[in-house]
C-alpha cells in the first residue's frame, strides 16, 4: 500500500477492487496463513452446513410423510410424532451451534485481516504469530459491535414488518397495496445501507477506540459521499456469494450428476467462496481508508501504530480524543 492517503479518496469502484488485489498479492504470505487458519474453516463450515441441513430436512420430511399415512391414536403414530420432535430439536440445535461457530470465526477473520492491513499501512513489523495474538483482544470489541448491530437490525425489521402489515391489511385497497410496495422498496434500500454501515463499523471497532453504537454512528458519517460506491460493492459481493451458493445447492447438494463431477463442483465452489471471503474483508478495510480520505480525516500513522501496539500491551492505549484522527486540508 504505497498510495498516499490523500490519493485514496480518488479511488472509485474498480480502484478499490484493484487496491485490494494489490494488497493481497503484495502480502500473500501473511494472507495465505490467515486464510488457511481462519477463513478456510469458515468457508468449509458454511458449505458443510448446507449439505447437513439438507439431510436433516429430508429426514424430517420423510418422517412427516410416514406420519400422514399412519392412523391416529396408534402407538406407531405416537412414535413418529416423538421422532419428528426429536429431529426438529436436532435440526434447531445444529443451526444454533453452526451460527455460533460461524459468528466466532467470522469475527476472528475480520479482526485478523483489518489488523494486518492497518499494520501494512503504518509500516509496522508484521508476523502471523503477532496477528494471531492480537485477534482475541480485538474480537471482544467486535462482539459488542455485533450485538449492537443485531439489536438495531431487530428493531428496524420489527417496525418495518409491522408497518407493511398495516399497509396491506388495514389500509383500504388499492392505496394499501401501493403503499406496501413503496415501503418494501424503502425497506430494501434501507437494509442495504445499514449493512454497509455495519460492515464499516467492524473496521472502525478495530482501528479506532470506538465500538458498539459509537462505531456504528462513526461508520454512518464516514459512508456519506460514498454511498453508491459502497452499496455497489455490497451488491457485487452479495451477488457472487449468491451465485456460488446456488451453484453448490443445485449441482452438489441436490444435483444428479456423477459423483466425481459433484466433488469437482464442490471443490470449485469452495475455492471461489474462499477467495470471495478474503476479498470481502480486505475490500471493507480499503473502503474505510477511502472514506477517511474523502472526508479529509488524516490518519496519523504514528497514532494508529500506537493504537495497534496497545492490543499487544506494548503501549498504553490513547484516549478517545488522541486516537480520533484529525482532519487535514487539501
Protein backbone atom coordinates (compact mmCIF):
# COMPACT_ATOMS: atom_id res chain seq x y z
CA UNK A 1 0.00 0.00 0.00
CA UNK A 2 2.28 2.70 -1.29
CA UNK A 3 -0.56 5.07 -2.14
CA UNK A 4 -0.70 8.28 -0.08
CA UNK A 5 -3.81 8.78 2.00
CA UNK A 6 -4.76 12.00 0.22
CA UNK A 7 -4.95 9.97 -3.02
CA UNK A 8 -7.19 7.28 -1.53
CA UNK A 9 -10.29 9.48 -1.91
CA UNK A 10 -9.95 9.29 -5.70
CA UNK A 11 -10.29 5.50 -5.76
CA UNK A 12 -13.57 4.54 -7.37
CA UNK A 13 -15.27 1.17 -7.50
CA UNK A 14 -12.65 -0.53 -9.67
CA UNK A 15 -9.84 1.30 -7.89
CA UNK A 16 -10.92 -0.21 -4.56
CA UNK A 17 -11.00 -3.70 -6.06
CA UNK A 18 -7.60 -3.17 -7.67
CA UNK A 19 -6.04 -1.83 -4.45
CA UNK A 20 -7.46 -4.80 -2.54
CA UNK A 21 -5.98 -7.23 -5.05
CA UNK A 22 -2.56 -5.50 -4.94
CA UNK A 23 -2.57 -5.59 -1.12
CA UNK A 24 -3.30 -9.32 -1.04
CA UNK A 25 -0.68 -10.12 -3.69
CA UNK A 26 1.99 -7.94 -2.05
CA UNK A 27 1.44 -9.62 1.33
CA UNK A 28 0.31 -13.01 0.06
CA UNK A 29 2.26 -14.98 2.66
CA UNK A 30 0.51 -13.47 5.70
CA UNK A 31 -2.89 -13.50 3.95
CA UNK A 32 -2.39 -17.12 2.96
CA UNK A 33 -1.68 -18.01 6.60
CA UNK A 34 -4.78 -16.11 7.78
CA UNK A 35 -6.87 -17.76 5.08
CA UNK A 36 -5.73 -21.29 5.96
CA UNK A 37 -6.17 -20.70 9.70
CA UNK A 38 -9.47 -18.80 9.87
CA UNK A 39 -11.17 -18.25 6.53
CA UNK A 40 -10.76 -21.84 5.28
CA UNK A 41 -12.65 -23.40 8.22
CA UNK A 42 -15.22 -20.59 7.98
CA UNK A 43 -15.84 -21.46 4.32
CA UNK A 44 -15.89 -25.21 4.98
CA UNK A 45 -18.41 -24.86 7.80
CA UNK A 46 -20.69 -22.69 5.66
CA UNK A 47 -20.82 -25.19 2.79
CA UNK A 48 -20.96 -28.23 5.08
CA UNK A 49 -23.97 -26.88 6.97
CA UNK A 50 -25.90 -26.59 3.68
CA UNK A 51 -25.36 -30.29 2.98
CA UNK A 52 -26.07 -31.37 6.58
CA UNK A 53 -29.17 -29.16 6.83
CA UNK A 54 -30.49 -30.71 3.63
CA UNK A 55 -30.03 -34.24 5.02
CA UNK A 56 -31.77 -33.30 8.31
CA UNK A 57 -34.69 -31.70 6.45
CA UNK A 58 -35.05 -34.80 4.26
CA UNK A 59 -35.28 -36.97 7.39
CA UNK A 60 -37.96 -34.67 8.84
CA UNK A 61 -39.97 -34.69 5.59
CA UNK A 62 -39.72 -38.49 5.34
CA UNK A 63 -40.95 -38.95 8.91
CA UNK A 64 -43.82 -36.48 8.38
CA UNK A 65 -44.82 -38.36 5.22
CA UNK A 66 -44.93 -41.62 7.17
CA UNK A 67 -46.94 -39.94 9.90
CA UNK A 68 -49.58 -38.75 7.41
CA UNK A 69 -50.09 -42.35 6.22
CA UNK A 70 -50.37 -43.68 9.77
CA UNK A 71 -53.65 -43.99 11.65
CA UNK A 72 -54.06 -41.54 14.50
CA UNK A 73 -54.03 -42.58 18.15
CA UNK A 74 -51.88 -45.64 17.49
CA UNK A 75 -48.54 -46.47 19.03
CA UNK A 76 -46.77 -46.07 15.66
CA UNK A 77 -48.34 -42.63 15.24
CA UNK A 78 -47.14 -41.55 18.70
CA UNK A 79 -43.66 -42.89 18.00
CA UNK A 80 -43.48 -40.98 14.72
CA UNK A 81 -44.63 -37.80 16.50
CA UNK A 82 -41.83 -38.21 19.06
CA UNK A 83 -39.38 -38.90 16.24
CA UNK A 84 -40.37 -35.70 14.43
CA UNK A 85 -39.97 -33.68 17.63
CA UNK A 86 -36.52 -35.22 18.15
CA UNK A 87 -35.49 -34.50 14.55
CA UNK A 88 -36.65 -30.87 14.78
CA UNK A 89 -34.73 -30.48 18.05
CA UNK A 90 -31.59 -31.88 16.39
CA UNK A 91 -32.05 -29.54 13.43
CA UNK A 92 -32.51 -26.44 15.62
CA UNK A 93 -29.56 -27.31 17.87
CA UNK A 94 -27.39 -27.89 14.81
CA UNK A 95 -28.35 -24.47 13.41
CA UNK A 96 -27.63 -22.76 16.74
CA UNK A 97 -24.18 -24.38 17.02
CA UNK A 98 -23.45 -23.52 13.40
CA UNK A 99 -24.42 -19.85 13.84
CA UNK A 100 -22.28 -19.51 16.98
CA UNK A 101 -19.21 -21.14 15.40
CA UNK A 102 -19.68 -19.23 12.14
CA UNK A 103 -20.01 -15.93 14.02
CA UNK A 104 -16.85 -16.57 16.06
CA UNK A 105 -14.77 -17.47 13.00
CA UNK A 106 -16.21 -14.54 11.05
CA UNK A 107 -15.29 -12.01 13.74
CA UNK A 108 -11.84 -13.54 14.23
CA UNK A 109 -11.22 -13.36 10.46
CA UNK A 110 -12.34 -9.73 10.41
CA UNK A 111 -10.02 -8.86 13.28
CA UNK A 112 -7.05 -10.60 11.63
CA UNK A 113 -7.50 -9.03 8.19
CA UNK A 114 -8.21 -5.49 9.42
CA UNK A 115 -5.28 -5.55 11.84
CA UNK A 116 -2.99 -6.89 9.10
CA UNK A 117 -3.91 -4.15 6.61
CA UNK A 118 -3.56 -1.46 9.28
CA UNK A 119 -0.10 -2.80 10.15
CA UNK A 120 0.87 -2.77 6.48
CA UNK A 121 -0.42 0.80 6.17
CA UNK A 122 1.63 2.02 9.14
CA UNK A 123 4.73 0.07 8.12
CA UNK A 124 4.78 -2.00 11.31
CA UNK A 125 6.72 -5.24 11.53
CA UNK A 126 4.19 -7.96 10.85
CA UNK A 127 4.26 -11.67 11.60
CA UNK A 128 1.50 -14.25 11.63
CA UNK A 129 2.18 -15.02 15.29
CA UNK A 130 1.70 -11.35 16.21
CA UNK A 131 -1.56 -11.16 14.25
CA UNK A 132 -2.97 -14.24 15.96
CA UNK A 133 -2.00 -12.90 19.41
CA UNK A 134 -3.93 -9.69 18.72
CA UNK A 135 -7.06 -11.30 17.26
CA UNK A 136 -8.65 -12.46 20.58
CA UNK A 137 -8.28 -8.96 22.06
CA UNK A 138 -9.79 -7.20 19.04
CA UNK A 139 -12.53 -9.83 18.92
CA UNK A 140 -14.01 -8.58 22.21
CA UNK A 141 -14.76 -5.15 20.71
CA UNK A 142 -16.20 -6.75 17.59
CA UNK A 143 -18.59 -8.84 19.68
CA UNK A 144 -20.01 -5.71 21.33
CA UNK A 145 -20.37 -4.03 17.93
CA UNK A 146 -22.09 -7.12 16.53
CA UNK A 147 -24.58 -7.24 19.42
CA UNK A 148 -25.40 -3.56 18.85
CA UNK A 149 -25.82 -4.20 15.14
CA UNK A 150 -28.09 -7.17 15.83
CA UNK A 151 -30.23 -5.08 18.19
CA UNK A 152 -30.57 -2.25 15.65
CA UNK A 153 -31.40 -4.72 12.87
CA UNK A 154 -34.04 -6.45 15.00
CA UNK A 155 -35.76 -3.15 15.85
CA UNK A 156 -35.58 -1.98 12.22
CA UNK A 157 -37.15 -5.20 10.93
CA UNK A 158 -39.83 -5.28 13.62
CA UNK A 159 -41.17 -1.83 12.77
CA UNK A 160 -40.76 -2.36 9.01
CA UNK A 161 -42.78 -5.59 9.07
CA UNK A 162 -45.37 -4.00 11.36
CA UNK A 163 -45.81 -1.03 9.01
CA UNK A 164 -46.04 -3.27 5.91
CA UNK A 165 -48.67 -5.40 7.70
CA UNK A 166 -50.70 -2.28 8.44
CA UNK A 167 -50.42 -1.11 4.81
CA UNK A 168 -51.51 -4.47 3.38
CA UNK A 169 -54.35 -5.38 5.73
CA UNK A 170 -55.61 -2.22 7.42
CA UNK A 171 -55.32 0.42 4.68
CA UNK A 172 -58.09 0.24 2.02
CA UNK A 173 -57.27 -1.19 -1.42
CA UNK A 174 -55.60 -0.06 -3.70
CA UNK A 175 -53.85 2.58 -1.58
CA UNK A 176 -52.71 -0.03 0.91
CA UNK A 177 -51.10 -2.21 -1.77
CA UNK A 178 -49.35 0.76 -3.39
CA UNK A 179 -48.10 1.97 -0.02
CA UNK A 180 -46.96 -1.58 0.80
CA UNK A 181 -44.66 -1.77 -2.25
CA UNK A 182 -43.34 1.75 -1.62
CA UNK A 183 -42.45 0.78 1.95
CA UNK A 184 -40.95 -2.52 0.71
CA UNK A 185 -38.59 -0.69 -1.68
CA UNK A 186 -37.61 1.76 1.07
CA UNK A 187 -37.03 -1.20 3.41
CA UNK A 188 -34.68 -2.94 0.93
CA UNK A 189 -32.70 0.26 0.27
CA UNK A 190 -32.52 0.99 4.00
CA UNK A 191 -31.36 -2.57 4.71
CA UNK A 192 -28.55 -2.29 2.15
CA UNK A 193 -27.42 1.00 3.64
CA UNK A 194 -27.49 -0.40 7.17
CA UNK A 195 -25.48 -3.46 6.14
CA UNK A 196 -22.82 -1.24 4.54
CA UNK A 197 -22.60 0.88 7.70
CA UNK A 198 -22.39 -2.22 9.88
CA UNK A 199 -19.56 -3.69 7.82
CA UNK A 200 -17.65 -0.43 8.11
CA UNK A 201 -18.40 -0.34 11.86
CA UNK A 202 -16.40 -3.56 12.31
CA UNK A 203 -13.36 -1.88 10.76
CA UNK A 204 -13.87 1.20 12.95
CA UNK A 205 -14.00 -1.05 16.03
CA UNK A 206 -10.53 -2.39 15.23
CA UNK A 207 -8.77 0.75 14.04
CA UNK A 208 -10.27 3.30 16.44
CA UNK A 209 -11.19 3.45 20.09
CA UNK A 210 -14.93 3.42 19.31
CA UNK A 211 -17.03 0.28 19.24
CA UNK A 212 -20.67 -0.67 19.62
CA UNK A 213 -23.23 2.03 18.80
CA UNK A 214 -20.45 4.63 18.72
CA UNK A 215 -18.68 2.74 15.92
CA UNK A 216 -21.98 2.46 14.04
CA UNK A 217 -22.51 6.23 14.28
CA UNK A 218 -18.98 6.87 13.01
CA UNK A 219 -19.42 4.48 10.10
CA UNK A 220 -22.68 6.22 9.20
CA UNK A 221 -20.84 9.55 8.98
CA UNK A 222 -17.94 8.06 7.04
CA UNK A 223 -20.10 6.44 4.38
CA UNK A 224 -21.63 9.79 3.38
CA UNK A 225 -20.37 10.80 -0.02
CA UNK A 226 -19.52 7.21 -0.97
CA UNK A 227 -22.94 5.60 -0.57
CA UNK A 228 -23.31 4.46 -4.17
CA UNK A 229 -19.81 3.00 -4.31
CA UNK A 230 -20.29 1.17 -1.00
CA UNK A 231 -23.74 -0.16 -1.96
CA UNK A 232 -22.44 -1.27 -5.37
CA UNK A 233 -19.58 -3.12 -3.70
CA UNK A 234 -22.08 -4.80 -1.34
CA UNK A 235 -24.29 -5.74 -4.30
CA UNK A 236 -21.41 -7.26 -6.31
CA UNK A 237 -20.05 -9.20 -3.35
CA UNK A 238 -23.53 -10.42 -2.36
CA UNK A 239 -24.22 -11.44 -5.96
CA UNK A 240 -21.02 -13.50 -6.06
CA UNK A 241 -21.94 -15.27 -2.80
CA UNK A 242 -25.48 -15.94 -4.05
CA UNK A 243 -24.28 -17.38 -7.36
CA UNK A 244 -21.76 -19.65 -5.63
CA UNK A 245 -24.45 -20.77 -3.18
CA UNK A 246 -26.92 -21.52 -6.00
CA UNK A 247 -24.29 -23.46 -7.93
CA UNK A 248 -23.44 -25.51 -4.83
CA UNK A 249 -27.05 -26.28 -3.92
CA UNK A 250 -28.25 -27.09 -7.45
CA UNK A 251 -25.38 -29.28 -8.60
CA UNK A 252 -23.74 -30.55 -5.40
CA UNK A 253 -26.46 -30.80 -2.75
CA UNK A 254 -29.49 -31.53 -4.96
CA UNK A 255 -27.70 -32.45 -8.17
CA UNK A 256 -27.94 -35.77 -10.01
CA UNK A 257 -24.50 -35.58 -11.60
CA UNK A 258 -21.89 -38.30 -11.30
CA UNK A 259 -20.04 -38.41 -8.01
CA UNK A 260 -16.73 -37.14 -9.41
CA UNK A 261 -18.47 -34.20 -11.08
CA UNK A 262 -20.24 -33.27 -7.85
CA UNK A 263 -16.95 -33.49 -5.95
CA UNK A 264 -15.25 -31.32 -8.57
CA UNK A 265 -18.01 -28.68 -8.48
CA UNK A 266 -17.97 -28.76 -4.68
CA UNK A 267 -14.22 -28.10 -4.67
CA UNK A 268 -14.68 -25.27 -7.20
CA UNK A 269 -17.40 -23.65 -5.07
CA UNK A 270 -15.19 -24.00 -2.02
CA UNK A 271 -12.23 -22.27 -3.69
CA UNK A 272 -14.39 -19.47 -5.14
CA UNK A 273 -16.07 -18.85 -1.80
CA UNK A 274 -12.72 -18.89 -0.02
CA UNK A 275 -11.37 -16.18 -2.33
CA UNK A 276 -14.60 -14.15 -2.08
CA UNK A 277 -14.50 -14.21 1.74
CA UNK A 278 -10.91 -12.94 1.82
CA UNK A 279 -11.58 -10.22 -0.75
CA UNK A 280 -14.68 -9.06 1.12
CA UNK A 281 -12.73 -8.44 4.34
CA UNK A 282 -9.88 -6.66 2.54
CA UNK A 283 -12.27 -4.51 0.48
CA UNK A 284 -14.12 -3.31 3.59
CA UNK A 285 -10.85 -2.11 5.12
CA UNK A 286 -9.77 -0.36 1.92
CA UNK A 287 -13.22 1.26 1.75
CA UNK A 288 -12.68 2.59 5.28
CA UNK A 289 -9.42 4.24 4.21
CA UNK A 290 -11.13 5.71 1.13
CA UNK A 291 -13.95 7.16 3.24
CA UNK A 292 -11.49 8.66 5.73
CA UNK A 293 -9.59 10.27 2.87
CA UNK A 294 -12.81 11.54 1.24
CA UNK A 295 -13.74 13.39 4.45
CA UNK A 296 -10.16 14.76 4.73
CA UNK A 297 -9.58 12.93 8.01
CA UNK A 298 -5.86 12.39 8.28
CA UNK A 299 -4.88 9.01 9.68
CA UNK A 300 -1.74 9.74 11.62
CA UNK A 301 0.37 6.62 11.14
CA UNK A 302 2.16 7.17 14.45
CA UNK A 303 -1.07 7.33 16.45
CA UNK A 304 -2.55 4.40 14.57
CA UNK A 305 0.63 2.38 15.14
CA UNK A 306 0.46 3.16 18.87
CA UNK A 307 -3.19 2.12 18.89
CA UNK A 308 -2.28 -1.21 17.29
CA UNK A 309 0.52 -1.69 19.83
CA UNK A 310 -1.99 -1.29 22.65
CA UNK A 311 -3.54 -4.62 21.63
CA UNK A 312 -0.15 -6.25 22.28
CA UNK A 313 0.32 -4.49 25.60
CA UNK A 314 3.33 -2.67 24.18
CA UNK A 315 1.81 0.76 24.51
CA UNK A 316 -0.63 2.45 26.85
CA UNK A 317 -3.90 2.94 24.94
CA UNK A 318 -4.54 6.51 23.94
CA UNK A 319 -7.64 8.36 24.99
CA UNK A 320 -10.58 8.71 22.62
CA UNK A 321 -9.52 12.23 21.63
CA UNK A 322 -5.96 11.17 20.98
CA UNK A 323 -7.00 8.32 18.76
CA UNK A 324 -9.57 10.42 16.96
CA UNK A 325 -7.98 11.07 13.62
CA UNK A 326 -7.54 14.72 12.77
CA UNK A 327 -8.58 16.46 9.59
CA UNK A 328 -6.18 17.73 7.01
CA UNK A 329 -6.67 20.50 4.50
CA UNK A 330 -6.45 19.79 0.80
